[in-house]
Amino acid sequence: MNIKKGPYITKIWASPLDTYDWVHRVGNAWSGSTLSDKRVFVELDSKGDLVALVINSGRGSQEVDSHELNAFIADALKVR
């Protein structure tokens, strides 16, 4: 996973392996995941509002659960 934080924009790039690992982490597995094995790009403004979202680069299923996506973003930003 790659995260770039700037004063006005935060960008997160996650590979299919990143999302798979997050969904299947020990003790915190997300059952019924819609995010696992998907490539994700997220861009947030300085308030944390979603500016851009790309799932699977437009290929394959782009449907993800919003609660799961929010939890993934929150966890990704905690680590950095």
PDB file of N, CA and C in Angstrom:
ATOM      1  N   MET A   1       0.855  -1.168   0.000  1.00  0.00           N
ATOM      2  CA  MET A   1       0.000   0.000   0.000  1.00  0.00           C
ATOM      3  C   MET A   1       0.900   1.229   0.000  1.00  0.00           C
ATOM      4  N   ASN A   2       0.457   2.227  -0.722  1.00  0.00           N
ATOM      5  CA  ASN A   2       1.197   3.477  -0.803  1.00  0.00           C
ATOM      6  C   ASN A   2       0.258   4.601  -0.379  1.00  0.00           C
ATOM      7  N   ILE A   3       0.736   5.428   0.541  1.00  0.00           N
ATOM      8  CA  ILE A   3      -0.058   6.567   1.006  1.00  0.00           C
ATOM      9  C   ILE A   3       0.788   7.822   0.868  1.00  0.00           C
ATOM     10  N   LYS A   4       0.202   8.837   0.259  1.00  0.00           N
ATOM     11  CA  LYS A   4       0.881  10.116   0.111  1.00  0.00           C
ATOM     12  C   LYS A   4       0.015  11.188   0.764  1.00  0.00           C
ATOM     13  N   LYS A   5       0.558  11.802   1.815  1.00  0.00           N
ATOM     14  CA  LYS A   5      -0.178  12.861   2.516  1.00  0.00           C
ATOM     15  C   LYS A   5       0.440  14.206   2.190  1.00  0.00           C
ATOM     16  N   GLY A   6      -0.409  15.123   1.803  1.00  0.00           N
ATOM     17  CA  GLY A   6       0.008  16.490   1.552  1.00  0.00           C
ATOM     18  C   GLY A   6      -0.831  17.417   2.413  1.00  0.00           C
ATOM     19  N   PRO A   7      -0.594  18.697   2.341  1.00  0.00           N
ATOM     20  CA  PRO A   7      -1.365  19.624   3.171  1.00  0.00           C
ATOM     21  C   PRO A   7      -2.842  19.710   2.771  1.00  0.00           C
ATOM     22  N   TYR A   8      -3.150  19.394   1.520  1.00  0.00           N
ATOM     23  CA  TYR A   8      -4.520  19.548   1.047  1.00  0.00           C
ATOM     24  C   TYR A   8      -5.156  18.243   0.561  1.00  0.00           C
ATOM     25  N   ILE A   9      -4.335  17.270   0.208  1.00  0.00           N
ATOM     26  CA  ILE A   9      -4.834  16.024  -0.386  1.00  0.00           C
ATOM     27  C   ILE A   9      -4.094  14.829   0.217  1.00  0.00           C
ATOM     28  N   THR A  10      -4.823  13.760   0.464  1.00  0.00           N
ATOM     29  CA  THR A  10      -4.236  12.477   0.847  1.00  0.00           C
ATOM     30  C   THR A  10      -4.655  11.458  -0.193  1.00  0.00           C
ATOM     31  N   LYS A  11      -3.681  10.671  -0.677  1.00  0.00           N
ATOM     32  CA  LYS A  11      -3.950   9.660  -1.691  1.00  0.00           C
ATOM     33  C   LYS A  11      -3.534   8.295  -1.148  1.00  0.00           C
ATOM     34  N   ILE A  12      -4.379   7.292  -1.418  1.00  0.00           N
ATOM     35  CA  ILE A  12      -4.100   5.930  -0.993  1.00  0.00           C
ATOM     36  C   ILE A  12      -4.212   5.021  -2.214  1.00  0.00           C
ATOM     37  N   TRP A  13      -3.161   4.243  -2.463  1.00  0.00           N
ATOM     38  CA  TRP A  13      -3.166   3.228  -3.505  1.00  0.00           C
ATOM     39  C   TRP A  13      -3.043   1.877  -2.811  1.00  0.00           C
ATOM     40  N   ALA A  14      -3.963   0.967  -3.080  1.00  0.00           N
ATOM     41  CA  ALA A  14      -3.918  -0.368  -2.484  1.00  0.00           C
ATOM     42  C   ALA A  14      -4.031  -1.418  -3.584  1.00  0.00           C
ATOM     43  N   SER A  15      -3.170  -2.407  -3.516  1.00  0.00           N
ATOM     44  CA  SER A  15      -3.183  -3.492  -4.485  1.00  0.00           C
ATOM     45  C   SER A  15      -4.224  -4.538  -4.091  1.00  0.00           C
ATOM     46  N   PRO A  16      -4.532  -5.470  -4.987  1.00  0.00           N
ATOM     47  CA  PRO A  16      -5.427  -6.562  -4.611  1.00  0.00           C
ATOM     48  C   PRO A  16      -4.903  -7.340  -3.399  1.00  0.00           C
ATOM     49  N   LEU A  17      -3.588  -7.508  -3.301  1.00  0.00           N
ATOM     50  CA  LEU A  17      -3.014  -8.197  -2.136  1.00  0.00           C
ATOM     51  C   LEU A  17      -3.213  -7.385  -0.860  1.00  0.00           C
ATOM     52  N   ASP A  18      -3.088  -6.064  -0.942  1.00  0.00           N
ATOM     53  CA  ASP A  18      -3.318  -5.201   0.228  1.00  0.00           C
ATOM     54  C   ASP A  18      -4.744  -5.351   0.750  1.00  0.00           C
ATOM     55  N   THR A  19      -5.712  -5.324  -0.154  1.00  0.00           N
ATOM     56  CA  THR A  19      -7.104  -5.420   0.294  1.00  0.00           C
ATOM     57  C   THR A  19      -7.413  -6.832   0.795  1.00  0.00           C
ATOM     58  N   TYR A  20      -6.844  -7.848   0.149  1.00  0.00           N
ATOM     59  CA  TYR A  20      -7.036  -9.227   0.619  1.00  0.00           C
ATOM     60  C   TYR A  20      -6.473  -9.380   2.032  1.00  0.00           C
ATOM     61  N   ASP A  21      -5.245  -8.903   2.246  1.00  0.00           N
ATOM     62  CA  ASP A  21      -4.616  -9.009   3.570  1.00  0.00           C
ATOM     63  C   ASP A  21      -5.415  -8.266   4.630  1.00  0.00           C
ATOM     64  N   TRP A  22      -5.945  -7.090   4.293  1.00  0.00           N
ATOM     65  CA  TRP A  22      -6.734  -6.322   5.261  1.00  0.00           C
ATOM     66  C   TRP A  22      -8.004  -7.075   5.640  1.00  0.00           C
ATOM     67  N   VAL A  23      -8.682  -7.634   4.657  1.00  0.00           N
ATOM     68  CA  VAL A  23      -9.932  -8.353   4.903  1.00  0.00           C
ATOM     69  C   VAL A  23      -9.706  -9.613   5.737  1.00  0.00           C
ATOM     70  N   HIS A  24      -8.581 -10.283   5.535  1.00  0.00           N
ATOM     71  CA  HIS A  24      -8.322 -11.561   6.190  1.00  0.00           C
ATOM     72  C   HIS A  24      -7.326 -11.459   7.344  1.00  0.00           C
ATOM     73  N   ARG A  25      -7.144 -10.298   7.915  1.00  0.00           N
ATOM     74  CA  ARG A  25      -6.182 -10.156   9.007  1.00  0.00           C
ATOM     75  C   ARG A  25      -6.654 -10.950  10.225  1.00  0.00           C
ATOM     76  N   VAL A  26      -5.707 -11.450  10.971  1.00  0.00           N
ATOM     77  CA  VAL A  26      -5.994 -12.307  12.122  1.00  0.00           C
ATOM     78  C   VAL A  26      -6.753 -11.529  13.192  1.00  0.00           C
ATOM     79  N   GLY A  27      -7.861 -12.098  13.638  1.00  0.00           N
ATOM     80  CA  GLY A  27      -8.640 -11.488  14.718  1.00  0.00           C
ATOM     81  C   GLY A  27      -9.613 -10.405  14.278  1.00  0.00           C
ATOM     82  N   ASN A  28      -9.521  -9.972  13.046  1.00  0.00           N
ATOM     83  CA  ASN A  28     -10.378  -8.883  12.573  1.00  0.00           C
ATOM     84  C   ASN A  28     -10.915  -9.133  11.168  1.00  0.00           C
ATOM     85  N   ALA A  29     -11.130 -10.376  10.801  1.00  0.00           N
ATOM     86  CA  ALA A  29     -11.587 -10.687   9.445  1.00  0.00           C
ATOM     87  C   ALA A  29     -12.937 -10.031   9.163  1.00  0.00           C
ATOM     88  N   TRP A  30     -13.114  -9.601   7.947  1.00  0.00           N
ATOM     89  CA  TRP A  30     -14.343  -8.936   7.515  1.00  0.00           C
ATOM     90  C   TRP A  30     -15.139  -9.943   6.682  1.00  0.00           C
ATOM     91  N   SER A  31     -16.108 -10.595   7.310  1.00  0.00           N
ATOM     92  CA  SER A  31     -16.869 -11.626   6.597  1.00  0.00           C
ATOM     93  C   SER A  31     -17.768 -10.987   5.532  1.00  0.00           C
ATOM     94  N   GLY A  32     -17.953 -11.687   4.430  1.00  0.00           N
ATOM     95  CA  GLY A  32     -18.784 -11.177   3.343  1.00  0.00           C
ATOM     96  C   GLY A  32     -18.187  -9.971   2.645  1.00  0.00           C
ATOM     97  N   SER A  33     -16.870  -9.880   2.608  1.00  0.00           N
ATOM     98  CA  SER A  33     -16.183  -8.722   2.047  1.00  0.00           C
ATOM     99  C   SER A  33     -16.512  -8.480   0.577  1.00  0.00           C
ATOM    100  N   THR A  34     -16.663  -7.213   0.229  1.00  0.00           N
ATOM    101  CA  THR A  34     -16.804  -6.803  -1.167  1.00  0.00           C
ATOM    102  C   THR A  34     -15.531  -6.112  -1.655  1.00  0.00           C
ATOM    103  N   LEU A  35     -14.561  -5.943  -0.753  1.00  0.00           N
ATOM    104  CA  LEU A  35     -13.335  -5.205  -1.060  1.00  0.00           C
ATOM    105  C   LEU A  35     -12.148  -6.121  -1.350  1.00  0.00           C
ATOM    106  N   SER A  36     -12.168  -7.324  -0.830  1.00  0.00           N
ATOM    107  CA  SER A  36     -11.042  -8.248  -0.946  1.00  0.00           C
ATOM    108  C   SER A  36     -10.652  -8.472  -2.410  1.00  0.00           C
ATOM    109  N   ASP A  37      -9.335  -8.483  -2.651  1.00  0.00           N
ATOM    110  CA  ASP A  37      -8.769  -8.744  -3.987  1.00  0.00           C
ATOM    111  C   ASP A  37      -9.063  -7.652  -5.005  1.00  0.00           C
ATOM    112  N   LYS A  38      -9.382  -6.461  -4.555  1.00  0.00           N
ATOM    113  CA  LYS A  38      -9.631  -5.360  -5.494  1.00  0.00           C
ATOM    114  C   LYS A  38      -8.532  -4.307  -5.381  1.00  0.00           C
ATOM    115  N   ARG A  39      -8.196  -3.718  -6.510  1.00  0.00           N
ATOM    116  CA  ARG A  39      -7.255  -2.599  -6.557  1.00  0.00           C
ATOM    117  C   ARG A  39      -8.058  -1.338  -6.258  1.00  0.00           C
ATOM    118  N   VAL A  40      -7.528  -0.499  -5.367  1.00  0.00           N
ATOM    119  CA  VAL A  40      -8.276   0.683  -4.924  1.00  0.00           C
ATOM    120  C   VAL A  40      -7.380   1.917  -4.955  1.00  0.00           C
ATOM    121  N   PHE A  41      -7.931   3.016  -5.464  1.00  0.00           N
ATOM    122  CA  PHE A  41      -7.302   4.333  -5.351  1.00  0.00           C
ATOM    123  C   PHE A  41      -8.313   5.257  -4.705  1.00  0.00           C
ATOM    124  N   VAL A  42      -7.869   5.943  -3.649  1.00  0.00           N
ATOM    125  CA  VAL A  42      -8.733   6.877  -2.922  1.00  0.00           C
ATOM    126  C   VAL A  42      -8.002   8.203  -2.794  1.00  0.00           C
ATOM    127  N   GLU A  43      -8.738   9.289  -3.004  1.00  0.00           N
ATOM    128  CA  GLU A  43      -8.191  10.625  -2.784  1.00  0.00           C
ATOM    129  C   GLU A  43      -9.132  11.364  -1.842  1.00  0.00           C
ATOM    130  N   LEU A  44      -8.556  11.916  -0.765  1.00  0.00           N
ATOM    131  CA  LEU A  44      -9.324  12.640   0.250  1.00  0.00           C
ATOM    132  C   LEU A  44      -8.837  14.073   0.335  1.00  0.00           C
ATOM    133  N   ASP A  45      -9.749  15.015   0.592  1.00  0.00           N
ATOM    134  CA  ASP A  45      -9.326  16.399   0.788  1.00  0.00           C
ATOM    135  C   ASP A  45      -8.861  16.591   2.233  1.00  0.00           C
ATOM    136  N   SER A  46      -8.495  17.807   2.585  1.00  0.00           N
ATOM    137  CA  SER A  46      -7.935  18.074   3.916  1.00  0.00           C
ATOM    138  C   SER A  46      -8.939  17.856   5.044  1.00  0.00           C
ATOM    139  N   LYS A  47     -10.228  17.818   4.737  1.00  0.00           N
ATOM    140  CA  LYS A  47     -11.260  17.549   5.747  1.00  0.00           C
ATOM    141  C   LYS A  47     -11.578  16.060   5.849  1.00  0.00           C
ATOM    142  N   GLY A  48     -10.985  15.245   4.975  1.00  0.00           N
ATOM    143  CA  GLY A  48     -11.255  13.818   4.968  1.00  0.00           C
ATOM    144  C   GLY A  48     -12.409  13.423   4.065  1.00  0.00           C
ATOM    145  N   ASP A  49     -12.908  14.375   3.289  1.00  0.00           N
ATOM    146  CA  ASP A  49     -13.991  14.077   2.351  1.00  0.00           C
ATOM    147  C   ASP A  49     -13.434  13.395   1.098  1.00  0.00           C
ATOM    148  N   LEU A  50     -14.181  12.435   0.580  1.00  0.00           N
ATOM    149  CA  LEU A  50     -13.778  11.697  -0.605  1.00  0.00           C
ATOM    150  C   LEU A  50     -13.833  12.593  -1.837  1.00  0.00           C
ATOM    151  N   VAL A  51     -12.712  12.661  -2.549  1.00  0.00           N
ATOM    152  CA  VAL A  51     -12.614  13.463  -3.766  1.00  0.00           C
ATOM    153  C   VAL A  51     -12.625  12.555  -4.996  1.00  0.00           C
ATOM    154  N   ALA A  52     -11.930  11.413  -4.879  1.00  0.00           N
ATOM    155  CA  ALA A  52     -11.858  10.477  -5.999  1.00  0.00           C
ATOM    156  C   ALA A  52     -11.797   9.054  -5.471  1.00  0.00           C
ATOM    157  N   LEU A  53     -12.425   8.145  -6.217  1.00  0.00           N
ATOM    158  CA  LEU A  53     -12.415   6.730  -5.880  1.00  0.00           C
ATOM    159  C   LEU A  53     -12.388   5.932  -7.174  1.00  0.00           C
ATOM    160  N   VAL A  54     -11.395   5.057  -7.301  1.00  0.00           N
ATOM    161  CA  VAL A  54     -11.300   4.166  -8.456  1.00  0.00           C
ATOM    162  C   VAL A  54     -11.133   2.750  -7.923  1.00  0.00           C
ATOM    163  N   ILE A  55     -12.018   1.864  -8.339  1.00  0.00           N
ATOM    164  CA  ILE A  55     -11.966   0.457  -7.941  1.00  0.00           C
ATOM    165  C   ILE A  55     -11.631  -0.373  -9.167  1.00  0.00           C
ATOM    166  N   ASN A  56     -10.607  -1.206  -9.080  1.00  0.00           N
ATOM    167  CA  ASN A  56     -10.211  -2.109 -10.165  1.00  0.00           C
ATOM    168  C   ASN A  56      -9.930  -1.390 -11.477  1.00  0.00           C
ATOM    169  N   SER A  57      -9.537  -0.146 -11.424  1.00  0.00           N
ATOM    170  CA  SER A  57      -9.196   0.629 -12.628  1.00  0.00           C
ATOM    171  C   SER A  57     -10.269   0.527 -13.708  1.00  0.00           C
ATOM    172  N   GLY A  58     -11.524   0.412 -13.289  1.00  0.00           N
ATOM    173  CA  GLY A  58     -12.629   0.364 -14.230  1.00  0.00           C
ATOM    174  C   GLY A  58     -12.899  -1.007 -14.823  1.00  0.00           C
ATOM    175  N   ARG A  59     -12.138  -2.024 -14.389  1.00  0.00           N
ATOM    176  CA  ARG A  59     -12.331  -3.384 -14.908  1.00  0.00           C
ATOM    177  C   ARG A  59     -12.932  -4.264 -13.821  1.00  0.00           C
ATOM    178  N   GLY A  60     -13.826  -5.148 -14.208  1.00  0.00           N
ATOM    179  CA  GLY A  60     -14.410  -6.069 -13.236  1.00  0.00           C
ATOM    180  C   GLY A  60     -15.379  -5.353 -12.309  1.00  0.00           C
ATOM    181  N   SER A  61     -15.746  -6.032 -11.248  1.00  0.00           N
ATOM    182  CA  SER A  61     -16.710  -5.473 -10.304  1.00  0.00           C
ATOM    183  C   SER A  61     -16.133  -4.264  -9.584  1.00  0.00           C
ATOM    184  N   GLN A  62     -16.908  -3.207  -9.560  1.00  0.00           N
ATOM    185  CA  GLN A  62     -16.503  -1.997  -8.863  1.00  0.00           C
ATOM    186  C   GLN A  62     -17.379  -1.726  -7.646  1.00  0.00           C
ATOM    187  N   GLU A  63     -18.238  -2.689  -7.336  1.00  0.00           N
ATOM    188  CA  GLU A  63     -19.138  -2.562  -6.193  1.00  0.00           C
ATOM    189  C   GLU A  63     -18.398  -2.890  -4.896  1.00  0.00           C
ATOM    190  N   VAL A  64     -18.439  -1.976  -3.942  1.00  0.00           N
ATOM    191  CA  VAL A  64     -17.896  -2.235  -2.609  1.00  0.00           C
ATOM    192  C   VAL A  64     -18.848  -1.662  -1.569  1.00  0.00           C
ATOM    193  N   ASP A  65     -18.861  -2.288  -0.415  1.00  0.00           N
ATOM    194  CA  ASP A  65     -19.673  -1.820   0.695  1.00  0.00           C
ATOM    195  C   ASP A  65     -19.048  -0.540   1.256  1.00  0.00           C
ATOM    196  N   SER A  66     -19.832   0.502   1.412  1.00  0.00           N
ATOM    197  CA  SER A  66     -19.297   1.793   1.863  1.00  0.00           C
ATOM    198  C   SER A  66     -18.750   1.717   3.284  1.00  0.00           C
ATOM    199  N   HIS A  67     -19.377   0.936   4.155  1.00  0.00           N
ATOM    200  CA  HIS A  67     -18.876   0.806   5.530  1.00  0.00           C
ATOM    201  C   HIS A  67     -17.516   0.109   5.541  1.00  0.00           C
ATOM    202  N   GLU A  68     -17.394  -0.912   4.703  1.00  0.00           N
ATOM    203  CA  GLU A  68     -16.123  -1.623   4.611  1.00  0.00           C
ATOM    204  C   GLU A  68     -15.035  -0.702   4.047  1.00  0.00           C
ATOM    205  N   LEU A  69     -15.359   0.058   3.013  1.00  0.00           N
ATOM    206  CA  LEU A  69     -14.398   0.989   2.431  1.00  0.00           C
ATOM    207  C   LEU A  69     -13.971   2.044   3.447  1.00  0.00           C
ATOM    208  N   ASN A  70     -14.918   2.588   4.195  1.00  0.00           N
ATOM    209  CA  ASN A  70     -14.584   3.578   5.230  1.00  0.00           C
ATOM    210  C   ASN A  70     -13.672   2.992   6.297  1.00  0.00           C
ATOM    211  N   ALA A  71     -13.943   1.747   6.712  1.00  0.00           N
ATOM    212  CA  ALA A  71     -13.101   1.086   7.719  1.00  0.00           C
ATOM    213  C   ALA A  71     -11.694   0.857   7.175  1.00  0.00           C
ATOM    214  N   PHE A  72     -11.599   0.453   5.909  1.00  0.00           N
ATOM    215  CA  PHE A  72     -10.299   0.242   5.273  1.00  0.00           C
ATOM    216  C   PHE A  72      -9.501   1.549   5.233  1.00  0.00           C
ATOM    217  N   ILE A  73     -10.137   2.622   4.814  1.00  0.00           N
ATOM    218  CA  ILE A  73      -9.454   3.924   4.743  1.00  0.00           C
ATOM    219  C   ILE A  73      -8.995   4.362   6.131  1.00  0.00           C
ATOM    220  N   ALA A  74      -9.874   4.238   7.128  1.00  0.00           N
ATOM    221  CA  ALA A  74      -9.517   4.626   8.492  1.00  0.00           C
ATOM    222  C   ALA A  74      -8.322   3.821   8.996  1.00  0.00           C
ATOM    223  N   ASP A  75      -8.320   2.515   8.763  1.00  0.00           N
ATOM    224  CA  ASP A  75      -7.199   1.682   9.187  1.00  0.00           C
ATOM    225  C   ASP A  75      -5.927   2.040   8.442  1.00  0.00           C
ATOM    226  N   ALA A  76      -6.027   2.306   7.163  1.00  0.00           N
ATOM    227  CA  ALA A  76      -4.858   2.665   6.372  1.00  0.00           C
ATOM    228  C   ALA A  76      -4.236   3.963   6.890  1.00  0.00           C
ATOM    229  N   LEU A  77      -5.057   4.909   7.260  1.00  0.00           N
ATOM    230  CA  LEU A  77      -4.531   6.200   7.736  1.00  0.00           C
ATOM    231  C   LEU A  77      -3.998   6.114   9.168  1.00  0.00           C
ATOM    232  N   LYS A  78      -4.481   5.162   9.961  1.00  0.00           N
ATOM    233  CA  LYS A  78      -3.956   4.958  11.326  1.00  0.00           C
ATOM    234  C   LYS A  78      -2.524   4.474  11.299  1.00  0.00           C
ATOM    235  N   VAL A  79      -2.210   3.629  10.337  1.00  0.00           N
ATOM    236  CA  VAL A  79      -0.896   3.001  10.250  1.00  0.00           C
ATOM    237  C   VAL A  79       0.182   4.026   9.955  1.00  0.00           C
ATOM    238  N   ARG A  80      -0.122   5.023   9.192  1.00  0.00           N
ATOM    239  CA  ARG A  80       0.893   5.998   8.753  1.00  0.00           C
ATOM    240  C   ARG A  80       1.073   7.100   9.740  1.00  0.00           C
TER     241      ARG A  80
END
